[in-house]
Amino acid sequence: MIGSNPSTPIDTTASARVVHRNRVLRNTYWLLAISLLPTVLGAWVGVSTGITAAMGGGLSFILFLAVAFGFIFAIQKTKNSAAGVWVLLAFTFFMGLMMSRLIAMVLGFSNGAELVMTAFGGTAGVFFVMAGVATTTKRDLSGMQQWLMVGLVVLLVGMVINMFVASSTGMLVLSMLAVGLFSAFLLFDLKRIVDGGETNYISATLALYLNLVNIFQNLLMLLSVFGGQRD
């Protein structure tokens, strides 16, 4: 069960640290699984109503970023209380709503449902592989952080440039880069939790969720380009 206190004092003894680390990891996995429910609900609402169908262009992207970062700020401010769980779940509903435009486009293919399920399965596969590596490897992965941040900056700059040049090739390259980059971020964040570097399960869930959402969206984009079939 998810505890009522997302961040508890850590006993300095080795056994207590192990117990606390395992509790954070268990609560993170539970909350991550629960977060999929409002995400699916948000996506269903968006696809059913078409509320995000008109979104597009730089202004909509800026508005999305503003709301998303507002949610992330609110989650970080409330992460030490049970309210943080509800803010996080509201954020996952919003993310599902925002993904509905892409999902609706993919569902327009005759094999759209299959592509969505393949992207979901691929994302789950990446998660299980990275979780296995993070649990078993003894290597210190903290040195990855600066390279991941450089990669993230390069990706964001590339996305902004591609918004203006509207290159389909550029979009594909950026999607492939994003899948690789956020898979590496997923490994890094999982390893931090496993090693006890993250003591708040709400923050941990947020990090993993953002990685998985980005992997899913970009996998779905790639599958729609290479595997989408029209009637």
C-alpha atoms as a PDB file:
ATOM      1  CA  MET A   1       0.000   0.000   0.000  1.00  0.00           C
ATOM      2  CA  ILE A   2       1.070   3.570  -0.691  1.00  0.00           C
ATOM      3  CA  GLY A   3       1.995   5.271   2.542  1.00  0.00           C
ATOM      4  CA  SER A   4       0.479   8.529   3.777  1.00  0.00           C
ATOM      5  CA  ASN A   5       3.888  10.156   4.221  1.00  0.00           C
ATOM      6  CA  PRO A   6       5.726  10.301   0.872  1.00  0.00           C
ATOM      7  CA  SER A   7       8.999  11.302   2.483  1.00  0.00           C
ATOM      8  CA  THR A   8       9.855   9.882   5.903  1.00  0.00           C
ATOM      9  CA  PRO A   9      12.945  10.386   8.068  1.00  0.00           C
ATOM     10  CA  ILE A  10      15.658   7.866   7.276  1.00  0.00           C
ATOM     11  CA  ASP A  11      17.199   5.827  10.057  1.00  0.00           C
ATOM     12  CA  THR A  12      20.983   5.834   9.762  1.00  0.00           C
ATOM     13  CA  THR A  13      21.355   2.090  10.325  1.00  0.00           C
ATOM     14  CA  ALA A  14      22.035  -0.026   7.242  1.00  0.00           C
ATOM     15  CA  SER A  15      19.029  -2.305   7.759  1.00  0.00           C
ATOM     16  CA  ALA A  16      16.680   0.654   8.210  1.00  0.00           C
ATOM     17  CA  ARG A  17      18.029   2.260   5.019  1.00  0.00           C
ATOM     18  CA  VAL A  18      17.316  -0.935   3.093  1.00  0.00           C
ATOM     19  CA  VAL A  19      13.768  -1.109   4.483  1.00  0.00           C
ATOM     20  CA  HIS A  20      13.150   2.550   3.606  1.00  0.00           C
ATOM     21  CA  ARG A  21      14.591   2.130   0.101  1.00  0.00           C
ATOM     22  CA  ASN A  22      12.385  -0.898  -0.546  1.00  0.00           C
ATOM     23  CA  ARG A  23       9.345   0.988   0.717  1.00  0.00           C
ATOM     24  CA  VAL A  24      10.046   3.915  -1.615  1.00  0.00           C
ATOM     25  CA  LEU A  25      10.554   1.538  -4.545  1.00  0.00           C
ATOM     26  CA  ARG A  26       7.353  -0.400  -3.779  1.00  0.00           C
ATOM     27  CA  ASN A  27       5.252   2.764  -3.338  1.00  0.00           C
ATOM     28  CA  THR A  28       6.709   4.220  -6.521  1.00  0.00           C
ATOM     29  CA  TYR A  29       5.721   1.177  -8.556  1.00  0.00           C
ATOM     30  CA  TRP A  30       2.227   1.204  -7.051  1.00  0.00           C
ATOM     31  CA  LEU A  31       1.698   4.901  -7.746  1.00  0.00           C
ATOM     32  CA  LEU A  32       3.133   4.549 -11.248  1.00  0.00           C
ATOM     33  CA  ALA A  33       0.640   1.766 -11.997  1.00  0.00           C
ATOM     34  CA  ILE A  34      -2.238   3.807 -10.549  1.00  0.00           C
ATOM     35  CA  SER A  35      -1.184   6.841 -12.609  1.00  0.00           C
ATOM     36  CA  LEU A  36      -1.960   4.918 -15.788  1.00  0.00           C
ATOM     37  CA  LEU A  37      -5.688   4.991 -14.964  1.00  0.00           C
ATOM     38  CA  PRO A  38      -6.195   8.780 -15.217  1.00  0.00           C
ATOM     39  CA  THR A  39      -3.839   8.814 -18.203  1.00  0.00           C
ATOM     40  CA  VAL A  40      -6.056   6.345 -20.071  1.00  0.00           C
ATOM     41  CA  LEU A  41      -9.156   8.254 -18.944  1.00  0.00           C
ATOM     42  CA  GLY A  42      -7.704  11.547 -20.170  1.00  0.00           C
ATOM     43  CA  ALA A  43      -6.783  10.004 -23.522  1.00  0.00           C
ATOM     44  CA  TRP A  44     -10.285   8.521 -23.864  1.00  0.00           C
ATOM     45  CA  VAL A  45     -11.920  11.877 -23.098  1.00  0.00           C
ATOM     46  CA  GLY A  46      -9.672  13.623 -25.602  1.00  0.00           C
ATOM     47  CA  VAL A  47     -10.299  11.101 -28.375  1.00  0.00           C
ATOM     48  CA  SER A  48     -14.050  10.946 -27.700  1.00  0.00           C
ATOM     49  CA  THR A  49     -14.618  14.693 -27.558  1.00  0.00           C
ATOM     50  CA  GLY A  50     -11.893  15.855 -29.949  1.00  0.00           C
ATOM     51  CA  ILE A  51     -11.117  18.626 -27.481  1.00  0.00           C
ATOM     52  CA  THR A  52      -7.431  18.699 -28.433  1.00  0.00           C
ATOM     53  CA  ALA A  53      -7.946  18.168 -32.180  1.00  0.00           C
ATOM     54  CA  ALA A  54      -7.564  21.874 -32.954  1.00  0.00           C
ATOM     55  CA  MET A  55      -4.317  22.168 -31.049  1.00  0.00           C
ATOM     56  CA  GLY A  56      -1.174  22.676 -33.073  1.00  0.00           C
ATOM     57  CA  GLY A  57       1.575  25.149 -33.752  1.00  0.00           C
ATOM     58  CA  GLY A  58       3.980  27.002 -31.520  1.00  0.00           C
ATOM     59  CA  LEU A  59       1.399  28.767 -29.360  1.00  0.00           C
ATOM     60  CA  SER A  60      -0.309  25.524 -28.363  1.00  0.00           C
ATOM     61  CA  PHE A  61       3.073  23.960 -27.601  1.00  0.00           C
ATOM     62  CA  ILE A  62       4.024  26.890 -25.373  1.00  0.00           C
ATOM     63  CA  LEU A  63       0.655  26.686 -23.605  1.00  0.00           C
ATOM     64  CA  PHE A  64       1.135  22.946 -23.056  1.00  0.00           C
ATOM     65  CA  LEU A  65       4.594  23.540 -21.577  1.00  0.00           C
ATOM     66  CA  ALA A  66       3.266  26.267 -19.278  1.00  0.00           C
ATOM     67  CA  VAL A  67       0.503  24.025 -17.880  1.00  0.00           C
ATOM     68  CA  ALA A  68       2.787  20.989 -17.641  1.00  0.00           C
ATOM     69  CA  PHE A  69       5.520  22.871 -15.775  1.00  0.00           C
ATOM     70  CA  GLY A  70       2.840  24.409 -13.544  1.00  0.00           C
ATOM     71  CA  PHE A  71       1.719  20.910 -12.588  1.00  0.00           C
ATOM     72  CA  ILE A  72       5.304  19.747 -12.039  1.00  0.00           C
ATOM     73  CA  PHE A  73       5.960  22.748  -9.778  1.00  0.00           C
ATOM     74  CA  ALA A  74       2.780  22.003  -7.809  1.00  0.00           C
ATOM     75  CA  ILE A  75       3.762  18.331  -7.450  1.00  0.00           C
ATOM     76  CA  GLN A  76       7.164  19.274  -6.081  1.00  0.00           C
ATOM     77  CA  LYS A  77       5.569  21.721  -3.618  1.00  0.00           C
ATOM     78  CA  THR A  78       3.116  19.100  -2.306  1.00  0.00           C
ATOM     79  CA  LYS A  79       5.273  15.972  -2.580  1.00  0.00           C
ATOM     80  CA  ASN A  80       5.716  15.657   1.178  1.00  0.00           C
ATOM     81  CA  SER A  81       1.977  15.341   1.788  1.00  0.00           C
ATOM     82  CA  ALA A  82      -0.816  13.081   0.591  1.00  0.00           C
ATOM     83  CA  ALA A  83      -2.096  15.992  -1.530  1.00  0.00           C
ATOM     84  CA  GLY A  84       0.885  15.417  -3.794  1.00  0.00           C
ATOM     85  CA  VAL A  85      -0.620  12.110  -4.923  1.00  0.00           C
ATOM     86  CA  TRP A  86      -3.809  13.856  -6.097  1.00  0.00           C
ATOM     87  CA  VAL A  87      -1.888  16.600  -7.872  1.00  0.00           C
ATOM     88  CA  LEU A  88       0.206  13.947  -9.612  1.00  0.00           C
ATOM     89  CA  LEU A  89      -2.894  12.029 -10.707  1.00  0.00           C
ATOM     90  CA  ALA A  90      -4.448  15.251 -12.030  1.00  0.00           C
ATOM     91  CA  PHE A  91      -1.251  15.815 -14.014  1.00  0.00           C
ATOM     92  CA  THR A  92      -1.412  12.314 -15.487  1.00  0.00           C
ATOM     93  CA  PHE A  93      -5.020  12.990 -16.593  1.00  0.00           C
ATOM     94  CA  PHE A  94      -3.822  16.180 -18.281  1.00  0.00           C
ATOM     95  CA  MET A  95      -1.022  14.284 -20.012  1.00  0.00           C
ATOM     96  CA  GLY A  96      -3.477  11.682 -21.260  1.00  0.00           C
ATOM     97  CA  LEU A  97      -5.662  14.476 -22.606  1.00  0.00           C
ATOM     98  CA  MET A  98      -2.702  16.024 -24.406  1.00  0.00           C
ATOM     99  CA  MET A  99      -1.677  12.670 -25.907  1.00  0.00           C
ATOM    100  CA  SER A 100      -5.180  12.126 -27.280  1.00  0.00           C
ATOM    101  CA  ARG A 101      -4.473  14.196 -30.408  1.00  0.00           C
ATOM    102  CA  LEU A 102      -1.649  11.848 -31.424  1.00  0.00           C
ATOM    103  CA  ILE A 103      -3.629   8.766 -30.419  1.00  0.00           C
ATOM    104  CA  ALA A 104      -6.666   9.931 -32.408  1.00  0.00           C
ATOM    105  CA  MET A 105      -4.470  10.471 -35.445  1.00  0.00           C
ATOM    106  CA  VAL A 106      -3.006   6.975 -35.129  1.00  0.00           C
ATOM    107  CA  LEU A 107      -6.456   5.435 -34.635  1.00  0.00           C
ATOM    108  CA  GLY A 108      -7.309   6.876 -38.036  1.00  0.00           C
ATOM    109  CA  PHE A 109      -5.191   4.097 -39.559  1.00  0.00           C
ATOM    110  CA  SER A 110      -6.861   0.771 -40.246  1.00  0.00           C
ATOM    111  CA  ASN A 111      -4.340  -0.839 -37.871  1.00  0.00           C
ATOM    112  CA  GLY A 112      -4.333   2.089 -35.437  1.00  0.00           C
ATOM    113  CA  ALA A 113      -5.425   0.128 -32.363  1.00  0.00           C
ATOM    114  CA  GLU A 114      -2.672  -2.401 -33.047  1.00  0.00           C
ATOM    115  CA  LEU A 115      -0.090   0.388 -33.308  1.00  0.00           C
ATOM    116  CA  VAL A 116      -1.208   1.886 -29.984  1.00  0.00           C
ATOM    117  CA  MET A 117      -0.978  -1.483 -28.253  1.00  0.00           C
ATOM    118  CA  THR A 118       2.418  -2.145 -29.849  1.00  0.00           C
ATOM    119  CA  ALA A 119       3.714   1.199 -28.592  1.00  0.00           C
ATOM    120  CA  PHE A 120       2.341   0.433 -25.129  1.00  0.00           C
ATOM    121  CA  GLY A 121       3.924  -3.012 -25.162  1.00  0.00           C
ATOM    122  CA  GLY A 122       7.233  -1.587 -26.377  1.00  0.00           C
ATOM    123  CA  THR A 123       7.205   1.019 -23.612  1.00  0.00           C
ATOM    124  CA  ALA A 124       6.438  -1.655 -21.009  1.00  0.00           C
ATOM    125  CA  GLY A 125       9.264  -3.757 -22.425  1.00  0.00           C
ATOM    126  CA  VAL A 126      11.728  -0.886 -22.127  1.00  0.00           C
ATOM    127  CA  PHE A 127      10.606  -0.332 -18.537  1.00  0.00           C
ATOM    128  CA  PHE A 128      11.076  -3.960 -17.501  1.00  0.00           C
ATOM    129  CA  VAL A 129      14.481  -4.171 -19.180  1.00  0.00           C
ATOM    130  CA  MET A 130      15.703  -0.967 -17.538  1.00  0.00           C
ATOM    131  CA  ALA A 131      14.256  -1.993 -14.173  1.00  0.00           C
ATOM    132  CA  GLY A 132      16.107  -5.300 -14.434  1.00  0.00           C
ATOM    133  CA  VAL A 133      19.375  -3.584 -15.317  1.00  0.00           C
ATOM    134  CA  ALA A 134      18.969  -0.992 -12.549  1.00  0.00           C
ATOM    135  CA  THR A 135      18.293  -3.721  -9.985  1.00  0.00           C
ATOM    136  CA  THR A 136      21.201  -5.965 -10.940  1.00  0.00           C
ATOM    137  CA  THR A 137      24.003  -3.655 -12.030  1.00  0.00           C
ATOM    138  CA  LYS A 138      26.579  -2.613  -9.441  1.00  0.00           C
ATOM    139  CA  ARG A 139      27.939   0.241 -11.551  1.00  0.00           C
ATOM    140  CA  ASP A 140      27.598   3.839 -10.419  1.00  0.00           C
ATOM    141  CA  LEU A 141      25.493   5.572 -13.067  1.00  0.00           C
ATOM    142  CA  SER A 142      25.581   9.044 -11.542  1.00  0.00           C
ATOM    143  CA  GLY A 143      28.032  10.166 -14.223  1.00  0.00           C
ATOM    144  CA  MET A 144      25.270   9.764 -16.806  1.00  0.00           C
ATOM    145  CA  GLN A 145      23.395  12.793 -15.527  1.00  0.00           C
ATOM    146  CA  GLN A 146      25.399  15.535 -17.240  1.00  0.00           C
ATOM    147  CA  TRP A 147      25.344  13.703 -20.581  1.00  0.00           C
ATOM    148  CA  LEU A 148      21.611  13.128 -20.283  1.00  0.00           C
ATOM    149  CA  MET A 149      21.046  16.824 -19.635  1.00  0.00           C
ATOM    150  CA  VAL A 150      23.139  17.734 -22.673  1.00  0.00           C
ATOM    151  CA  GLY A 151      21.087  15.295 -24.727  1.00  0.00           C
ATOM    152  CA  LEU A 152      17.865  16.815 -23.403  1.00  0.00           C
ATOM    153  CA  VAL A 153      18.971  20.332 -24.358  1.00  0.00           C
ATOM    154  CA  VAL A 154      19.928  19.135 -27.846  1.00  0.00           C
ATOM    155  CA  LEU A 155      16.541  17.425 -28.195  1.00  0.00           C
ATOM    156  CA  LEU A 156      14.611  20.519 -27.083  1.00  0.00           C
ATOM    157  CA  VAL A 157      16.568  22.801 -29.408  1.00  0.00           C
ATOM    158  CA  GLY A 158      15.969  20.358 -32.252  1.00  0.00           C
ATOM    159  CA  MET A 159      12.233  20.315 -31.519  1.00  0.00           C
ATOM    160  CA  VAL A 160      12.030  24.111 -31.557  1.00  0.00           C
ATOM    161  CA  ILE A 161      13.937  24.300 -34.845  1.00  0.00           C
ATOM    162  CA  ASN A 162      11.762  21.597 -36.395  1.00  0.00           C
ATOM    163  CA  MET A 163       8.626  23.516 -35.411  1.00  0.00           C
ATOM    164  CA  PHE A 164       9.680  26.177 -37.914  1.00  0.00           C
ATOM    165  CA  VAL A 165      11.185  24.028 -40.694  1.00  0.00           C
ATOM    166  CA  ALA A 166       8.511  21.287 -40.393  1.00  0.00           C
ATOM    167  CA  SER A 167      10.831  18.556 -41.637  1.00  0.00           C
ATOM    168  CA  SER A 168       9.357  15.030 -41.579  1.00  0.00           C
ATOM    169  CA  THR A 169      12.875  13.589 -41.632  1.00  0.00           C
ATOM    170  CA  GLY A 170      13.841  15.814 -38.732  1.00  0.00           C
ATOM    171  CA  MET A 171      10.767  14.645 -36.820  1.00  0.00           C
ATOM    172  CA  LEU A 172      11.747  11.004 -37.275  1.00  0.00           C
ATOM    173  CA  VAL A 173      15.331  11.660 -36.187  1.00  0.00           C
ATOM    174  CA  LEU A 174      14.118  13.541 -33.113  1.00  0.00           C
ATOM    175  CA  SER A 175      11.674  10.742 -32.232  1.00  0.00           C
ATOM    176  CA  MET A 176      14.406   8.113 -32.447  1.00  0.00           C
ATOM    177  CA  LEU A 177      16.704  10.301 -30.351  1.00  0.00           C
ATOM    178  CA  ALA A 178      13.925  10.810 -27.800  1.00  0.00           C
ATOM    179  CA  VAL A 179      13.286   7.065 -27.413  1.00  0.00           C
ATOM    180  CA  GLY A 180      16.973   6.429 -26.755  1.00  0.00           C
ATOM    181  CA  LEU A 181      17.416   9.450 -24.490  1.00  0.00           C
ATOM    182  CA  PHE A 182      14.386   8.816 -22.273  1.00  0.00           C
ATOM    183  CA  SER A 183      15.223   5.118 -22.054  1.00  0.00           C
ATOM    184  CA  ALA A 184      18.593   6.179 -20.644  1.00  0.00           C
ATOM    185  CA  PHE A 185      16.841   8.653 -18.315  1.00  0.00           C
ATOM    186  CA  LEU A 186      14.590   5.801 -17.172  1.00  0.00           C
ATOM    187  CA  LEU A 187      17.601   3.651 -16.305  1.00  0.00           C
ATOM    188  CA  PHE A 188      19.251   6.542 -14.462  1.00  0.00           C
ATOM    189  CA  ASP A 189      16.121   7.373 -12.432  1.00  0.00           C
ATOM    190  CA  LEU A 190      15.422   3.735 -11.591  1.00  0.00           C
ATOM    191  CA  LYS A 191      19.004   3.268 -10.443  1.00  0.00           C
ATOM    192  CA  ARG A 192      18.717   6.319  -8.173  1.00  0.00           C
ATOM    193  CA  ILE A 193      15.636   4.831  -6.521  1.00  0.00           C
ATOM    194  CA  VAL A 194      17.224   1.387  -6.183  1.00  0.00           C
ATOM    195  CA  ASP A 195      20.361   2.907  -4.640  1.00  0.00           C
ATOM    196  CA  GLY A 196      18.324   5.008  -2.194  1.00  0.00           C
ATOM    197  CA  GLY A 197      19.206   8.322  -3.833  1.00  0.00           C
ATOM    198  CA  GLU A 198      15.524   9.226  -4.122  1.00  0.00           C
ATOM    199  CA  THR A 199      13.593   9.118  -0.838  1.00  0.00           C
ATOM    200  CA  ASN A 200      10.249  10.544  -1.993  1.00  0.00           C
ATOM    201  CA  TYR A 201       8.022   8.184  -3.951  1.00  0.00           C
ATOM    202  CA  ILE A 202       5.957  11.006  -5.496  1.00  0.00           C
ATOM    203  CA  SER A 203       9.053  12.630  -7.006  1.00  0.00           C
ATOM    204  CA  ALA A 204      10.268   9.198  -8.079  1.00  0.00           C
ATOM    205  CA  THR A 205       6.952   8.393  -9.759  1.00  0.00           C
ATOM    206  CA  LEU A 206       6.904  11.741 -11.559  1.00  0.00           C
ATOM    207  CA  ALA A 207      10.368  11.142 -13.007  1.00  0.00           C
ATOM    208  CA  LEU A 208       9.545   7.614 -14.190  1.00  0.00           C
ATOM    209  CA  TYR A 209       6.160   8.683 -15.568  1.00  0.00           C
ATOM    210  CA  LEU A 210       7.635  11.491 -17.669  1.00  0.00           C
ATOM    211  CA  ASN A 211      10.220   9.103 -19.094  1.00  0.00           C
ATOM    212  CA  LEU A 212       7.599   6.506 -19.986  1.00  0.00           C
ATOM    213  CA  VAL A 213       5.218   9.040 -21.542  1.00  0.00           C
ATOM    214  CA  ASN A 214       7.972  10.370 -23.773  1.00  0.00           C
ATOM    215  CA  ILE A 215       9.035   6.868 -24.807  1.00  0.00           C
ATOM    216  CA  PHE A 216       5.429   5.902 -25.590  1.00  0.00           C
ATOM    217  CA  GLN A 217       4.647   9.026 -27.611  1.00  0.00           C
ATOM    218  CA  ASN A 218       7.771   8.798 -29.720  1.00  0.00           C
ATOM    219  CA  LEU A 219       7.435   5.059 -30.272  1.00  0.00           C
ATOM    220  CA  LEU A 220       3.852   5.654 -31.394  1.00  0.00           C
ATOM    221  CA  MET A 221       4.987   8.397 -33.749  1.00  0.00           C
ATOM    222  CA  LEU A 222       7.611   6.129 -35.306  1.00  0.00           C
ATOM    223  CA  LEU A 223       5.181   3.218 -35.623  1.00  0.00           C
ATOM    224  CA  SER A 224       2.589   5.447 -37.286  1.00  0.00           C
ATOM    225  CA  VAL A 225       5.109   6.586 -39.879  1.00  0.00           C
ATOM    226  CA  PHE A 226       6.624   3.187 -40.650  1.00  0.00           C
ATOM    227  CA  GLY A 227       3.647   0.919 -39.995  1.00  0.00           C
ATOM    228  CA  GLY A 228       0.467   2.963 -40.410  1.00  0.00           C
ATOM    229  CA  GLN A 229      -1.956   1.479 -42.953  1.00  0.00           C
ATOM    230  CA  ARG A 230      -4.771   3.301 -44.705  1.00  0.00           C
ATOM    231  CA  ASP A 231      -7.936   1.518 -45.847  1.00  0.00           C
END
